[in-house]
């Protein structure tokens, strides 16, 4: 009779077994080749599911449309009253305008409410190319993306819109004997306010985007640090574009968080990104050292 099966199998040392388990756990599970068309189909699926996820939020926003309109109009109303311009009013020129504007409020606010689901679908689109340990980070990704997006919109509502309306409406009033009174259409006001809030919400996603790029190894914290001086210039341009009034204090209110968020992104890259290779001295530094 031959030897028992156990005696014919070479034993594996505990250290080697642990290494093998660790290696196996790092291999992509269900690694299937996908063609370009397969990726497009997967993208379409995620987009469709994202749209379906917006529907409950849109329904809730439609029910609360008047409360949301009041909330969005508060910065304008406060600025109007503080400048002693009378009782604030918003106008519409077409009988269907209010319905269209309420629909716009419902769509935009429903999109904000459904943003966690959309971020989750974006992660699921990326996940097939990641390892199991990386896929487990879906919840932090969705949570942080939502916090930064909503935080950006709230920052715009609380700190950008009020001084912007104060500055813009201050151009009205009395010029000589002429009374200049603003007649603001509600569709133009909502377009202005919602664009501003959405733009700041997207802009506040900078740490998440840069953190993800660092996590997958495309950039490291040292590269980001060296690029920071250029980011200040880019942030100043973004702040100038996003600031409707064009006054320096409001621009600084937008510029400051953009710069701070970039350094938060560098911190993310330092914590979760690849470590940069040791810095080699340049020719000039080598000559100075030799001298």
Protein backbone atom coordinates (compact mmCIF):
# COMPACT_ATOMS: atom_id res chain seq x y z
CA UNK A 1 0.00 0.00 0.00
CA UNK A 2 1.18 3.51 -0.73
CA UNK A 3 1.74 6.07 1.87
CA UNK A 4 -1.25 7.96 3.21
CA UNK A 5 -2.21 11.07 1.27
CA UNK A 6 -1.19 13.31 4.16
CA UNK A 7 2.36 11.95 4.08
CA UNK A 8 2.68 12.42 0.32
CA UNK A 9 1.75 16.11 0.41
CA UNK A 10 4.66 18.34 1.33
CA UNK A 11 3.76 20.39 4.39
CA UNK A 12 3.66 24.15 3.96
CA UNK A 13 5.41 26.27 6.53
CA UNK A 14 3.05 28.59 8.46
CA UNK A 15 4.83 31.72 7.15
CA UNK A 16 4.52 30.51 3.54
CA UNK A 17 0.85 29.65 4.05
CA UNK A 18 0.13 33.14 5.36
CA UNK A 19 1.93 34.68 2.39
CA UNK A 20 -0.05 32.51 -0.01
CA UNK A 21 -3.35 33.51 1.61
CA UNK A 22 -2.38 37.17 1.49
CA UNK A 23 -1.39 36.87 -2.17
CA UNK A 24 -4.61 35.07 -3.08
CA UNK A 25 -6.68 37.71 -1.32
CA UNK A 26 -4.98 40.41 -3.40
CA UNK A 27 -5.87 38.83 -6.73
CA UNK A 28 -8.87 40.40 -8.47
CA UNK A 29 -11.93 38.21 -7.99
CA UNK A 30 -13.88 37.11 -11.06
CA UNK A 31 -11.35 38.82 -13.29
CA UNK A 32 -13.15 38.90 -16.66
CA UNK A 33 -11.90 40.64 -19.76
CA UNK A 34 -14.32 43.36 -20.86
CA UNK A 35 -14.35 44.91 -24.30
CA UNK A 36 -14.87 48.60 -24.93
CA UNK A 37 -18.53 47.94 -25.75
CA UNK A 38 -18.91 45.99 -22.49
CA UNK A 39 -17.61 49.00 -20.59
CA UNK A 40 -20.08 51.24 -22.44
CA UNK A 41 -22.95 48.89 -21.55
CA UNK A 42 -21.88 48.87 -17.92
CA UNK A 43 -21.68 52.67 -17.95
CA UNK A 44 -25.16 52.88 -19.44
CA UNK A 45 -26.50 50.53 -16.75
CA UNK A 46 -25.01 52.63 -13.96
CA UNK A 47 -26.31 55.86 -15.46
CA UNK A 48 -29.83 54.44 -15.81
CA UNK A 49 -29.80 53.19 -12.23
CA UNK A 50 -28.53 56.57 -11.05
CA UNK A 51 -31.45 58.28 -12.78
CA UNK A 52 -33.92 55.86 -11.18
CA UNK A 53 -32.36 56.66 -7.81
CA UNK A 54 -33.12 60.37 -8.28
CA UNK A 55 -36.88 59.81 -8.59
CA UNK A 56 -37.68 59.50 -4.81
CA UNK A 57 -35.68 62.66 -4.09
CA UNK A 58 -37.46 64.52 -6.90
CA UNK A 59 -40.83 63.45 -5.50
CA UNK A 60 -39.91 64.68 -2.02
CA UNK A 61 -38.59 67.97 -3.40
CA UNK A 62 -41.80 68.48 -5.39
CA UNK A 63 -43.91 68.07 -2.25
CA UNK A 64 -41.70 70.60 -0.43
CA UNK A 65 -41.28 72.94 -3.44
CA UNK A 66 -42.69 76.05 -1.73
CA UNK A 67 -40.54 75.58 1.39
CA UNK A 68 -37.46 75.08 -0.79
CA UNK A 69 -38.26 78.22 -2.80
CA UNK A 70 -38.55 80.20 0.42
CA UNK A 71 -35.24 78.76 1.61
CA UNK A 72 -33.47 79.64 -1.67
CA UNK A 73 -34.92 83.16 -1.72
CA UNK A 74 -33.88 84.04 1.85
CA UNK A 75 -30.42 85.50 0.93
CA UNK A 76 -32.04 87.72 -1.71
CA UNK A 77 -34.85 88.82 0.61
CA UNK A 78 -32.44 89.66 3.45
CA UNK A 79 -30.23 91.72 1.13
CA UNK A 80 -33.27 93.51 -0.32
CA UNK A 81 -34.50 94.52 3.14
CA UNK A 82 -31.06 95.46 4.48
CA UNK A 83 -30.66 97.96 1.63
CA UNK A 84 -34.07 99.52 2.44
CA UNK A 85 -35.40 98.79 -1.03
CA UNK A 86 -38.90 97.94 0.17
CA UNK A 87 -40.58 94.57 0.27
CA UNK A 88 -38.73 91.97 -1.85
CA UNK A 89 -40.58 90.52 -4.82
CA UNK A 90 -39.88 88.02 -7.60
CA UNK A 91 -41.80 88.16 -10.88
CA UNK A 92 -42.77 85.78 -13.65
CA UNK A 93 -43.83 86.78 -17.16
CA UNK A 94 -45.54 83.63 -18.42
CA UNK A 95 -48.42 81.67 -16.82
CA UNK A 96 -46.39 78.45 -17.09
CA UNK A 97 -43.23 79.93 -15.58
CA UNK A 98 -43.99 79.00 -11.98
CA UNK A 99 -44.69 75.38 -12.89
CA UNK A 100 -41.42 75.21 -14.84
CA UNK A 101 -39.51 76.79 -11.98
CA UNK A 102 -41.00 74.41 -9.42
CA UNK A 103 -40.00 71.53 -11.69
CA UNK A 104 -36.45 72.88 -11.86
CA UNK A 105 -36.35 73.11 -8.05
CA UNK A 106 -37.59 69.52 -7.75
CA UNK A 107 -35.06 68.21 -10.30
CA UNK A 108 -32.04 69.96 -8.82
CA UNK A 109 -32.89 69.29 -5.18
CA UNK A 110 -33.90 65.72 -6.04
CA UNK A 111 -30.49 65.32 -7.66
CA UNK A 112 -28.80 66.55 -4.48
CA UNK A 113 -30.88 64.17 -2.34
CA UNK A 114 -30.07 61.31 -4.70
CA UNK A 115 -26.37 62.12 -4.93
CA UNK A 116 -25.30 59.37 -2.47
CA UNK A 117 -26.92 56.78 -4.73
CA UNK A 118 -25.25 58.32 -7.78
CA UNK A 119 -21.84 58.26 -6.05
CA UNK A 120 -22.45 54.61 -5.12
CA UNK A 121 -23.23 53.73 -8.74
CA UNK A 122 -20.04 55.52 -9.83
CA UNK A 123 -18.10 53.38 -7.37
CA UNK A 124 -19.73 50.19 -8.68
CA UNK A 125 -18.65 51.15 -12.20
CA UNK A 126 -15.05 51.45 -10.99
CA UNK A 127 -15.13 48.47 -8.59
CA UNK A 128 -14.60 45.58 -11.08
CA UNK A 129 -11.04 46.77 -11.63
CA UNK A 130 -10.26 46.90 -7.91
CA UNK A 131 -9.21 44.35 -5.29
CA UNK A 132 -11.51 43.12 -2.56
CA UNK A 133 -9.83 45.29 0.08
CA UNK A 134 -10.29 48.31 -2.20
CA UNK A 135 -13.94 47.52 -2.91
CA UNK A 136 -14.63 47.59 0.83
CA UNK A 137 -13.97 51.34 0.76
CA UNK A 138 -17.23 52.04 -1.11
CA UNK A 139 -19.00 53.35 2.00
CA UNK A 140 -16.27 55.88 2.93
CA UNK A 141 -16.13 57.02 -0.70
CA UNK A 142 -19.90 57.57 -0.90
CA UNK A 143 -20.05 59.20 2.54
CA UNK A 144 -17.16 61.61 1.93
CA UNK A 145 -18.35 62.49 -1.58
CA UNK A 146 -21.80 63.35 -0.25
CA UNK A 147 -20.43 65.36 2.69
CA UNK A 148 -18.13 67.45 0.49
CA UNK A 149 -20.80 68.03 -2.18
CA UNK A 150 -23.49 69.10 0.30
CA UNK A 151 -20.88 71.07 2.25
CA UNK A 152 -19.93 73.01 -0.88
CA UNK A 153 -23.56 73.84 -1.65
CA UNK A 154 -24.17 74.92 1.96
CA UNK A 155 -21.00 77.06 1.91
CA UNK A 156 -22.31 78.83 -1.18
CA UNK A 157 -25.73 79.39 0.39
CA UNK A 158 -24.39 80.61 3.73
CA UNK A 159 -21.25 82.54 2.82
CA UNK A 160 -21.28 83.41 -0.90
CA UNK A 161 -24.85 84.29 -1.90
CA UNK A 162 -25.58 86.81 0.92
CA UNK A 163 -22.57 89.10 0.27
CA UNK A 164 -23.03 88.65 -3.48
CA UNK A 165 -26.63 89.90 -3.32
CA UNK A 166 -25.64 92.74 -1.01
CA UNK A 167 -23.00 93.87 -3.51
CA UNK A 168 -25.13 93.45 -6.64
CA UNK A 169 -28.32 95.03 -5.30
CA UNK A 170 -26.39 97.97 -3.89
CA UNK A 171 -26.04 99.30 -7.45
CA UNK A 172 -29.76 100.11 -7.29
CA UNK A 173 -31.35 102.89 -5.26
CA UNK A 174 -31.53 106.59 -6.12
CA UNK A 175 -29.26 108.22 -8.68
CA UNK A 176 -29.90 111.96 -8.59
CA UNK A 177 -33.65 112.19 -8.82
CA UNK A 178 -34.01 108.82 -10.53
CA UNK A 179 -35.25 105.80 -8.59
CA UNK A 180 -33.61 102.57 -9.83
CA UNK A 181 -35.64 99.58 -8.68
CA UNK A 182 -34.71 95.97 -9.57
CA UNK A 183 -37.33 93.82 -11.28
CA UNK A 184 -35.98 90.31 -10.85
CA UNK A 185 -37.62 87.42 -12.68
CA UNK A 186 -37.95 84.25 -10.66
CA UNK A 187 -36.58 81.99 -13.40
CA UNK A 188 -33.44 84.13 -13.69
CA UNK A 189 -33.03 84.21 -9.92
CA UNK A 190 -33.36 80.44 -9.52
CA UNK A 191 -31.03 79.81 -12.45
CA UNK A 192 -28.44 82.10 -10.86
CA UNK A 193 -28.74 80.67 -7.32
CA UNK A 194 -28.92 76.99 -8.27
CA UNK A 195 -26.01 77.23 -10.69
CA UNK A 196 -23.92 78.84 -7.98
CA UNK A 197 -24.77 76.19 -5.38
CA UNK A 198 -24.18 73.28 -7.77
CA UNK A 199 -20.90 74.75 -9.02
CA UNK A 200 -19.57 75.09 -5.48
CA UNK A 201 -20.80 71.60 -4.58
CA UNK A 202 -18.89 70.12 -7.52
CA UNK A 203 -15.83 72.26 -6.78
CA UNK A 204 -15.72 70.95 -3.21
CA UNK A 205 -15.23 67.44 -4.64
CA UNK A 206 -11.57 68.32 -5.35
CA UNK A 207 -10.20 66.38 -2.33
CA UNK A 208 -12.21 63.28 -3.27
CA UNK A 209 -11.08 63.30 -6.91
CA UNK A 210 -7.43 63.95 -6.07
CA UNK A 211 -7.53 61.44 -3.20
CA UNK A 212 -8.86 58.77 -5.55
CA UNK A 213 -6.21 59.54 -8.18
CA UNK A 214 -3.58 59.18 -5.49
CA UNK A 215 -5.14 55.97 -4.16
CA UNK A 216 -4.91 54.28 -7.56
CA UNK A 217 -1.32 55.42 -7.91
CA UNK A 218 -1.59 58.10 -10.59
CA UNK A 219 -0.16 60.86 -8.38
CA UNK A 220 1.59 61.05 -5.03
CA UNK A 221 1.64 63.68 -2.31
CA UNK A 222 5.00 65.09 -3.37
CA UNK A 223 3.80 65.77 -6.91
CA UNK A 224 0.69 67.44 -5.52
CA UNK A 225 2.78 69.55 -3.16
CA UNK A 226 5.02 70.72 -6.01
CA UNK A 227 1.92 71.57 -8.08
CA UNK A 228 0.32 73.55 -5.23
CA UNK A 229 1.63 76.95 -6.41
CA UNK A 230 -0.11 76.42 -9.74
CA UNK A 231 -3.27 75.31 -7.99
CA UNK A 232 -3.45 78.68 -6.21
CA UNK A 233 -3.53 80.35 -9.63
CA UNK A 234 -6.16 77.91 -10.93
CA UNK A 235 -8.24 78.38 -7.77
CA UNK A 236 -8.10 82.16 -8.18
CA UNK A 237 -9.46 81.82 -11.73
CA UNK A 238 -12.23 79.47 -10.54
CA UNK A 239 -13.11 81.89 -7.72
CA UNK A 240 -13.29 84.79 -10.18
CA UNK A 241 -15.63 82.81 -12.45
CA UNK A 242 -17.87 81.63 -9.59
CA UNK A 243 -18.10 85.03 -7.89
CA UNK A 244 -21.03 86.87 -9.49
CA UNK A 245 -20.39 90.23 -7.86
CA UNK A 246 -16.67 90.34 -8.70
CA UNK A 247 -15.77 92.07 -5.42
CA UNK A 248 -12.55 91.04 -3.68
CA UNK A 249 -14.04 89.94 -0.28
CA UNK A 250 -16.49 87.51 -1.92
CA UNK A 251 -13.75 86.19 -4.22
CA UNK A 252 -11.57 85.54 -1.17
CA UNK A 253 -14.48 83.69 0.47
CA UNK A 254 -14.52 81.30 -2.49
CA UNK A 255 -10.74 81.17 -3.01
CA UNK A 256 -9.83 80.32 0.59
CA UNK A 257 -11.72 76.99 0.84
CA UNK A 258 -10.53 75.97 -2.64
CA UNK A 259 -6.90 76.34 -1.56
CA UNK A 260 -7.53 74.68 1.82
CA UNK A 261 -9.34 71.77 0.17
CA UNK A 262 -6.35 71.18 -2.09
CA UNK A 263 -4.10 70.81 0.95
CA UNK A 264 -6.69 68.46 2.47
CA UNK A 265 -6.33 66.43 -0.74
CA UNK A 266 -2.54 66.37 -0.23
CA UNK A 267 -3.14 65.01 3.27
CA UNK A 268 -5.41 62.31 1.81
CA UNK A 269 -2.71 61.45 -0.72
CA UNK A 270 -0.10 61.23 2.06
CA UNK A 271 -2.28 58.86 4.10
CA UNK A 272 -3.66 56.54 1.41
CA UNK A 273 -1.53 57.08 -1.69
CA UNK A 274 1.74 55.53 -2.82
CA UNK A 275 4.92 56.71 -1.22
CA UNK A 276 7.07 58.74 -3.63
CA UNK A 277 10.55 57.47 -4.47
CA UNK A 278 13.42 59.14 -2.61
CA UNK A 279 14.32 62.45 -4.13
CA UNK A 280 17.56 62.32 -6.14
CA UNK A 281 19.78 65.40 -6.17
CA UNK A 282 19.81 67.41 -9.37
CA UNK A 283 23.03 68.17 -11.24
CA UNK A 284 23.19 71.67 -9.76
CA UNK A 285 22.71 70.33 -6.24
CA UNK A 286 25.38 67.66 -6.84
CA UNK A 287 27.86 70.31 -8.04
CA UNK A 288 27.12 72.47 -4.99
CA UNK A 289 27.61 69.47 -2.70
CA UNK A 290 30.91 68.61 -4.43
CA UNK A 291 32.12 72.19 -4.07
